[in-house]
PDB file of N, CA and C in Angstrom:
ATOM      1  N   MET A   1     112.702  56.252 109.034  1.00  0.00           N
ATOM      2  CA  MET A   1     112.868  56.997 110.264  1.00  0.00           C
ATOM      3  C   MET A   1     113.077  58.474 109.933  1.00  0.00           C
ATOM      4  N   GLU A   2     112.260  59.317 110.502  1.00  0.00           N
ATOM      5  CA  GLU A   2     112.359  60.747 110.249  1.00  0.00           C
ATOM      6  C   GLU A   2     113.197  61.436 111.318  1.00  0.00           C
ATOM      7  N   SER A   3     113.974  62.399 110.896  1.00  0.00           N
ATOM      8  CA  SER A   3     114.762  63.197 111.822  1.00  0.00           C
ATOM      9  C   SER A   3     113.895  64.337 112.348  1.00  0.00           C
ATOM     10  N   ASP A   4     113.933  64.572 113.648  1.00  0.00           N
ATOM     11  CA  ASP A   4     113.184  65.664 114.247  1.00  0.00           C
ATOM     12  C   ASP A   4     114.156  66.797 114.561  1.00  0.00           C
ATOM     13  N   PHE A   5     114.230  67.758 113.681  1.00  0.00           N
ATOM     14  CA  PHE A   5     115.200  68.852 113.787  1.00  0.00           C
ATOM     15  C   PHE A   5     115.120  69.568 115.124  1.00  0.00           C
ATOM     16  N   TYR A   6     113.918  69.803 115.628  1.00  0.00           N
ATOM     17  CA  TYR A   6     113.759  70.600 116.839  1.00  0.00           C
ATOM     18  C   TYR A   6     114.169  69.861 118.101  1.00  0.00           C
ATOM     19  N   ASN A   7     114.246  68.546 118.069  1.00  0.00           N
ATOM     20  CA  ASN A   7     114.658  67.775 119.242  1.00  0.00           C
ATOM     21  C   ASN A   7     116.073  67.222 119.127  1.00  0.00           C
ATOM     22  N   ASP A   8     116.732  67.439 117.997  1.00  0.00           N
ATOM     23  CA  ASP A   8     118.089  66.940 117.791  1.00  0.00           C
ATOM     24  C   ASP A   8     119.066  67.707 118.675  1.00  0.00           C
ATOM     25  N   ARG A   9     119.992  66.990 119.305  1.00  0.00           N
ATOM     26  CA  ARG A   9     120.960  67.605 120.219  1.00  0.00           C
ATOM     27  C   ARG A   9     122.362  67.067 119.954  1.00  0.00           C
ATOM     28  N   LYS A  10     123.349  67.891 120.246  1.00  0.00           N
ATOM     29  CA  LYS A  10     124.755  67.488 120.239  1.00  0.00           C
ATOM     30  C   LYS A  10     125.378  67.977 121.540  1.00  0.00           C
ATOM     31  N   TYR A  11     126.560  67.436 121.854  1.00  0.00           N
ATOM     32  CA  TYR A  11     127.221  67.770 123.118  1.00  0.00           C
ATOM     33  C   TYR A  11     128.082  69.020 122.976  1.00  0.00           C
ATOM     34  N   CYS A  12     127.885  69.956 123.889  1.00  0.00           N
ATOM     35  CA  CYS A  12     128.699  71.174 123.933  1.00  0.00           C
ATOM     36  C   CYS A  12     129.678  71.043 125.096  1.00  0.00           C
ATOM     37  N   PRO A  13     130.981  70.972 124.830  1.00  0.00           N
ATOM     38  CA  PRO A  13     131.955  70.861 125.915  1.00  0.00           C
ATOM     39  C   PRO A  13     132.020  72.127 126.782  1.00  0.00           C
ATOM     40  N   GLN A  14     131.664  73.276 126.228  1.00  0.00           N
ATOM     41  CA  GLN A  14     131.671  74.530 126.987  1.00  0.00           C
ATOM     42  C   GLN A  14     130.528  74.539 128.015  1.00  0.00           C
ATOM     43  N   CYS A  15     129.329  74.160 127.585  1.00  0.00           N
ATOM     44  CA  CYS A  15     128.160  74.127 128.478  1.00  0.00           C
ATOM     45  C   CYS A  15     128.091  72.821 129.277  1.00  0.00           C
ATOM     46  N   GLU A  16     128.853  71.818 128.840  1.00  0.00           N
ATOM     47  CA  GLU A  16     128.893  70.489 129.463  1.00  0.00           C
ATOM     48  C   GLU A  16     127.527  69.822 129.514  1.00  0.00           C
ATOM     49  N   THR A  17     126.781  69.950 128.411  1.00  0.00           N
ATOM     50  CA  THR A  17     125.477  69.301 128.290  1.00  0.00           C
ATOM     51  C   THR A  17     125.126  69.174 126.805  1.00  0.00           C
ATOM     52  N   TYR A  18     124.073  68.404 126.527  1.00  0.00           N
ATOM     53  CA  TYR A  18     123.578  68.288 125.155  1.00  0.00           C
ATOM     54  C   TYR A  18     122.679  69.484 124.870  1.00  0.00           C
ATOM     55  N   VAL A  19     122.909  70.118 123.721  1.00  0.00           N
ATOM     56  CA  VAL A  19     122.226  71.371 123.388  1.00  0.00           C
ATOM     57  C   VAL A  19     121.711  71.335 121.950  1.00  0.00           C
ATOM     58  N   SER A  20     120.816  72.261 121.645  1.00  0.00           N
ATOM     59  CA  SER A  20     120.442  72.514 120.252  1.00  0.00           C
ATOM     60  C   SER A  20     121.649  73.161 119.588  1.00  0.00           C
ATOM     61  N   TYR A  21     121.718  73.034 118.285  1.00  0.00           N
ATOM     62  CA  TYR A  21     122.907  73.534 117.591  1.00  0.00           C
ATOM     63  C   TYR A  21     122.552  74.093 116.223  1.00  0.00           C
ATOM     64  N   LEU A  22     123.454  74.887 115.694  1.00  0.00           N
ATOM     65  CA  LEU A  22     123.359  75.390 114.328  1.00  0.00           C
ATOM     66  C   LEU A  22     124.398  74.661 113.500  1.00  0.00           C
ATOM     67  N   GLN A  23     123.986  74.191 112.336  1.00  0.00           N
ATOM     68  CA  GLN A  23     124.858  73.395 111.471  1.00  0.00           C
ATOM     69  C   GLN A  23     125.386  74.260 110.340  1.00  0.00           C
ATOM     70  N   SER A  24     126.711  74.282 110.159  1.00  0.00           N
ATOM     71  CA  SER A  24     127.297  74.929 108.987  1.00  0.00           C
ATOM     72  C   SER A  24     127.759  73.811 108.052  1.00  0.00           C
ATOM     73  N   MET A  25     128.443  74.142 107.007  1.00  0.00           N
ATOM     74  CA  MET A  25     128.897  73.131 106.052  1.00  0.00           C
ATOM     75  C   MET A  25     129.909  72.168 106.668  1.00  0.00           C
ATOM     76  N   GLU A  26     130.737  72.640 107.614  1.00  0.00           N
ATOM     77  CA  GLU A  26     131.793  71.803 108.164  1.00  0.00           C
ATOM     78  C   GLU A  26     131.664  71.524 109.654  1.00  0.00           C
ATOM     79  N   HIS A  27     130.992  72.373 110.411  1.00  0.00           N
ATOM     80  CA  HIS A  27     130.926  72.225 111.859  1.00  0.00           C
ATOM     81  C   HIS A  27     129.529  72.555 112.365  1.00  0.00           C
ATOM     82  N   SER A  28     129.297  72.216 113.637  1.00  0.00           N
ATOM     83  CA  SER A  28     128.057  72.575 114.319  1.00  0.00           C
ATOM     84  C   SER A  28     128.408  73.429 115.526  1.00  0.00           C
ATOM     85  N   TYR A  29     127.520  74.374 115.854  1.00  0.00           N
ATOM     86  CA  TYR A  29     127.797  75.317 116.933  1.00  0.00           C
ATOM     87  C   TYR A  29     126.625  75.383 117.906  1.00  0.00           C
ATOM     88  N   CYS A  30     126.940  75.497 119.181  1.00  0.00           N
ATOM     89  CA  CYS A  30     125.966  75.589 120.258  1.00  0.00           C
ATOM     90  C   CYS A  30     125.137  76.871 120.118  1.00  0.00           C
ATOM     91  N   VAL A  31     123.811  76.755 120.264  1.00  0.00           N
ATOM     92  CA  VAL A  31     122.972  77.950 120.193  1.00  0.00           C
ATOM     93  C   VAL A  31     123.041  78.760 121.485  1.00  0.00           C
ATOM     94  N   GLU A  32     123.525  78.150 122.562  1.00  0.00           N
ATOM     95  CA  GLU A  32     123.615  78.850 123.849  1.00  0.00           C
ATOM     96  C   GLU A  32     124.869  79.721 123.956  1.00  0.00           C
ATOM     97  N   CYS A  33     126.041  79.139 123.644  1.00  0.00           N
ATOM     98  CA  CYS A  33     127.298  79.872 123.860  1.00  0.00           C
ATOM     99  C   CYS A  33     128.120  80.077 122.583  1.00  0.00           C
ATOM    100  N   GLY A  34     127.783  79.389 121.500  1.00  0.00           N
ATOM    101  CA  GLY A  34     128.509  79.561 120.238  1.00  0.00           C
ATOM    102  C   GLY A  34     129.710  78.651 120.063  1.00  0.00           C
ATOM    103  N   ALA A  35     130.008  77.812 121.061  1.00  0.00           N
ATOM    104  CA  ALA A  35     131.156  76.902 120.950  1.00  0.00           C
ATOM    105  C   ALA A  35     130.853  75.789 119.948  1.00  0.00           C
ATOM    106  N   GLN A  36     131.904  75.229 119.389  1.00  0.00           N
ATOM    107  CA  GLN A  36     131.742  74.112 118.475  1.00  0.00           C
ATOM    108  C   GLN A  36     131.283  72.886 119.267  1.00  0.00           C
ATOM    109  N   VAL A  37     130.285  72.177 118.757  1.00  0.00           N
ATOM    110  CA  VAL A  37     129.739  71.003 119.443  1.00  0.00           C
ATOM    111  C   VAL A  37     130.173  69.736 118.738  1.00  0.00           C
ATOM    112  N   ARG A  38     129.983  68.606 119.421  1.00  0.00           N
ATOM    113  CA  ARG A  38     130.288  67.299 118.829  1.00  0.00           C
ATOM    114  C   ARG A  38     129.126  66.363 119.120  1.00  0.00           C
ATOM    115  N   LEU A  39     129.128  65.224 118.470  1.00  0.00           N
ATOM    116  CA  LEU A  39     128.008  64.298 118.562  1.00  0.00           C
ATOM    117  C   LEU A  39     127.817  63.743 119.964  1.00  0.00           C
ATOM    118  N   PHE A  40     128.912  63.322 120.630  1.00  0.00           N
ATOM    119  CA  PHE A  40     128.840  62.689 121.942  1.00  0.00           C
ATOM    120  C   PHE A  40     129.777  63.360 122.941  1.00  0.00           C
ATOM    121  N   SER A  41     129.467  63.208 124.229  1.00  0.00           N
ATOM    122  CA  SER A  41     130.417  63.563 125.279  1.00  0.00           C
ATOM    123  C   SER A  41     131.486  62.468 125.313  1.00  0.00           C
ATOM    124  N   GLU A  42     132.584  62.701 126.015  1.00  0.00           N
ATOM    125  CA  GLU A  42     133.664  61.702 126.092  1.00  0.00           C
ATOM    126  C   GLU A  42     133.160  60.385 126.688  1.00  0.00           C
ATOM    127  N   SER A  43     132.388  60.452 127.783  1.00  0.00           N
ATOM    128  CA  SER A  43     131.911  59.229 128.436  1.00  0.00           C
ATOM    129  C   SER A  43     130.893  58.495 127.562  1.00  0.00           C
ATOM    130  N   ASP A  44     130.013  59.235 126.884  1.00  0.00           N
ATOM    131  CA  ASP A  44     129.043  58.590 125.998  1.00  0.00           C
ATOM    132  C   ASP A  44     129.739  57.973 124.787  1.00  0.00           C
ATOM    133  N   TRP A  45     130.786  58.627 124.285  1.00  0.00           N
ATOM    134  CA  TRP A  45     131.544  58.085 123.153  1.00  0.00           C
ATOM    135  C   TRP A  45     132.205  56.764 123.553  1.00  0.00           C
ATOM    136  N   SER A  46     132.789  56.716 124.753  1.00  0.00           N
ATOM    137  CA  SER A  46     133.427  55.484 125.232  1.00  0.00           C
ATOM    138  C   SER A  46     132.407  54.363 125.353  1.00  0.00           C
ATOM    139  N   SER A  47     131.245  54.653 125.915  1.00  0.00           N
ATOM    140  CA  SER A  47     130.192  53.648 126.054  1.00  0.00           C
ATOM    141  C   SER A  47     129.727  53.159 124.685  1.00  0.00           C
ATOM    142  N   PHE A  48     129.516  54.085 123.766  1.00  0.00           N
ATOM    143  CA  PHE A  48     129.084  53.739 122.414  1.00  0.00           C
ATOM    144  C   PHE A  48     130.128  52.873 121.725  1.00  0.00           C
ATOM    145  N   HIS A  49     131.395  53.265 121.827  1.00  0.00           N
ATOM    146  CA  HIS A  49     132.483  52.528 121.199  1.00  0.00           C
ATOM    147  C   HIS A  49     132.607  51.119 121.785  1.00  0.00           C
ATOM    148  N   ASP A  50     132.482  50.998 123.110  1.00  0.00           N
ATOM    149  CA  ASP A  50     132.557  49.689 123.769  1.00  0.00           C
ATOM    150  C   ASP A  50     131.413  48.778 123.329  1.00  0.00           C
ATOM    151  N   SER A  51     130.212  49.331 123.173  1.00  0.00           N
ATOM    152  CA  SER A  51     129.089  48.507 122.741  1.00  0.00           C
ATOM    153  C   SER A  51     129.279  48.021 121.305  1.00  0.00           C
ATOM    154  N   LEU A  52     129.935  48.833 120.469  1.00  0.00           N
ATOM    155  CA  LEU A  52     130.233  48.394 119.108  1.00  0.00           C
ATOM    156  C   LEU A  52     131.251  47.263 119.113  1.00  0.00           C
ATOM    157  N   LYS A  53     132.251  47.348 119.983  1.00  0.00           N
ATOM    158  CA  LYS A  53     133.268  46.303 120.089  1.00  0.00           C
ATOM    159  C   LYS A  53     132.639  44.968 120.466  1.00  0.00           C
ATOM    160  N   GLU A  54     131.664  44.990 121.389  1.00  0.00           N
ATOM    161  CA  GLU A  54     131.011  43.759 121.840  1.00  0.00           C
ATOM    162  C   GLU A  54     130.236  43.088 120.719  1.00  0.00           C
ATOM    163  N   ARG A  55     129.668  43.876 119.818  1.00  0.00           N
ATOM    164  CA  ARG A  55     128.870  43.304 118.728  1.00  0.00           C
ATOM    165  C   ARG A  55     129.712  42.892 117.527  1.00  0.00           C
ATOM    166  N   ARG A  56     130.952  43.328 117.477  1.00  0.00           N
ATOM    167  CA  ARG A  56     131.829  43.021 116.356  1.00  0.00           C
ATOM    168  C   ARG A  56     132.155  41.528 116.370  1.00  0.00           C
ATOM    169  N   PRO A  57     132.070  40.865 115.219  1.00  0.00           N
ATOM    170  CA  PRO A  57     132.398  39.434 115.205  1.00  0.00           C
ATOM    171  C   PRO A  57     133.867  39.196 115.538  1.00  0.00           C
ATOM    172  N   LYS A  58     134.117  38.127 116.238  1.00  0.00           N
ATOM    173  CA  LYS A  58     135.488  37.751 116.574  1.00  0.00           C
ATOM    174  C   LYS A  58     136.151  37.199 115.311  1.00  0.00           C
ATOM    175  N   GLY A  59     137.443  37.356 115.216  1.00  0.00           N
ATOM    176  CA  GLY A  59     138.158  36.856 114.051  1.00  0.00           C
ATOM    177  C   GLY A  59     138.353  35.360 114.133  1.00  0.00           C
ATOM    178  N   GLY A  60     139.005  34.813 113.147  1.00  0.00           N
ATOM    179  CA  GLY A  60     139.323  33.392 113.180  1.00  0.00           C
ATOM    180  C   GLY A  60     138.492  32.568 112.221  1.00  0.00           C
ATOM    181  N   ARG A  61     138.783  31.300 112.240  1.00  0.00           N
ATOM    182  CA  ARG A  61     138.140  30.360 111.345  1.00  0.00           C
ATOM    183  C   ARG A  61     136.743  30.004 111.856  1.00  0.00           C
ATOM    184  N   PRO A  62     135.756  29.936 110.953  1.00  0.00           N
ATOM    185  CA  PRO A  62     134.412  29.575 111.397  1.00  0.00           C
ATOM    186  C   PRO A  62     134.352  28.116 111.870  1.00  0.00           C
ATOM    187  N   ARG A  63     133.452  27.841 112.807  1.00  0.00           N
ATOM    188  CA  ARG A  63     133.294  26.477 113.311  1.00  0.00           C
ATOM    189  C   ARG A  63     132.656  25.586 112.257  1.00  0.00           C
ATOM    190  N   LYS A  64     132.970  24.304 112.341  1.00  0.00           N
ATOM    191  CA  LYS A  64     132.351  23.342 111.433  1.00  0.00           C
ATOM    192  C   LYS A  64     130.905  23.134 111.841  1.00  0.00           C
ATOM    193  N   ASP A  65     130.073  22.792 110.892  1.00  0.00           N
ATOM    194  CA  ASP A  65     128.662  22.546 111.155  1.00  0.00           C
ATOM    195  C   ASP A  65     128.513  21.222 111.899  1.00  0.00           C
ATOM    196  N   GLN A  66     127.976  21.244 113.103  1.00  0.00           N
ATOM    197  CA  GLN A  66     127.835  20.048 113.935  1.00  0.00           C
ATOM    198  C   GLN A  66     126.799  19.085 113.362  1.00  0.00           C
ATOM    199  N   ARG A  67     125.763  19.580 112.689  1.00  0.00           N
ATOM    200  CA  ARG A  67     124.739  18.701 112.125  1.00  0.00           C
ATOM    201  C   ARG A  67     125.309  17.811 111.038  1.00  0.00           C
ATOM    202  N   GLY A  68     126.262  18.323 110.298  1.00  0.00           N
ATOM    203  CA  GLY A  68     126.874  17.535 109.228  1.00  0.00           C
ATOM    204  C   GLY A  68     127.609  16.319 109.749  1.00  0.00           C
ATOM    205  N   LYS A  69     128.225  16.407 110.939  1.00  0.00           N
ATOM    206  CA  LYS A  69     128.967  15.306 111.549  1.00  0.00           C
ATOM    207  C   LYS A  69     128.023  14.199 112.030  1.00  0.00           C
ATOM    208  N   GLU A  70     126.846  14.594 112.563  1.00  0.00           N
ATOM    209  CA  GLU A  70     125.916  13.610 113.107  1.00  0.00           C
ATOM    210  C   GLU A  70     125.340  12.705 112.029  1.00  0.00           C
ATOM    211  N   SER A  71     125.107  13.232 110.835  1.00  0.00           N
ATOM    212  CA  SER A  71     124.504  12.423 109.785  1.00  0.00           C
ATOM    213  C   SER A  71     125.529  11.553 109.060  1.00  0.00           C
ATOM    214  N   ALA A  72     126.802  11.796 109.237  1.00  0.00           N
ATOM    215  CA  ALA A  72     127.850  11.039 108.534  1.00  0.00           C
ATOM    216  C   ALA A  72     128.130   9.707 109.205  1.00  0.00           C
TER     217      ALA A  72
END
């Protein structure tokens, strides 16, 4: 998968939208207003985090194999 630099966007809390950005060694900055940007907006981060929780395996002991019981 190739990254498309010209279409890559991050969220600017100052502009309240996804914008093009300039990347430094430690931070990224909005090309429109110069504010520090982040990967997601708060609402998108919550949605992303919730979707990860749903895919995470539940803890506990694994179930026994039902096929093994039928042949015994």
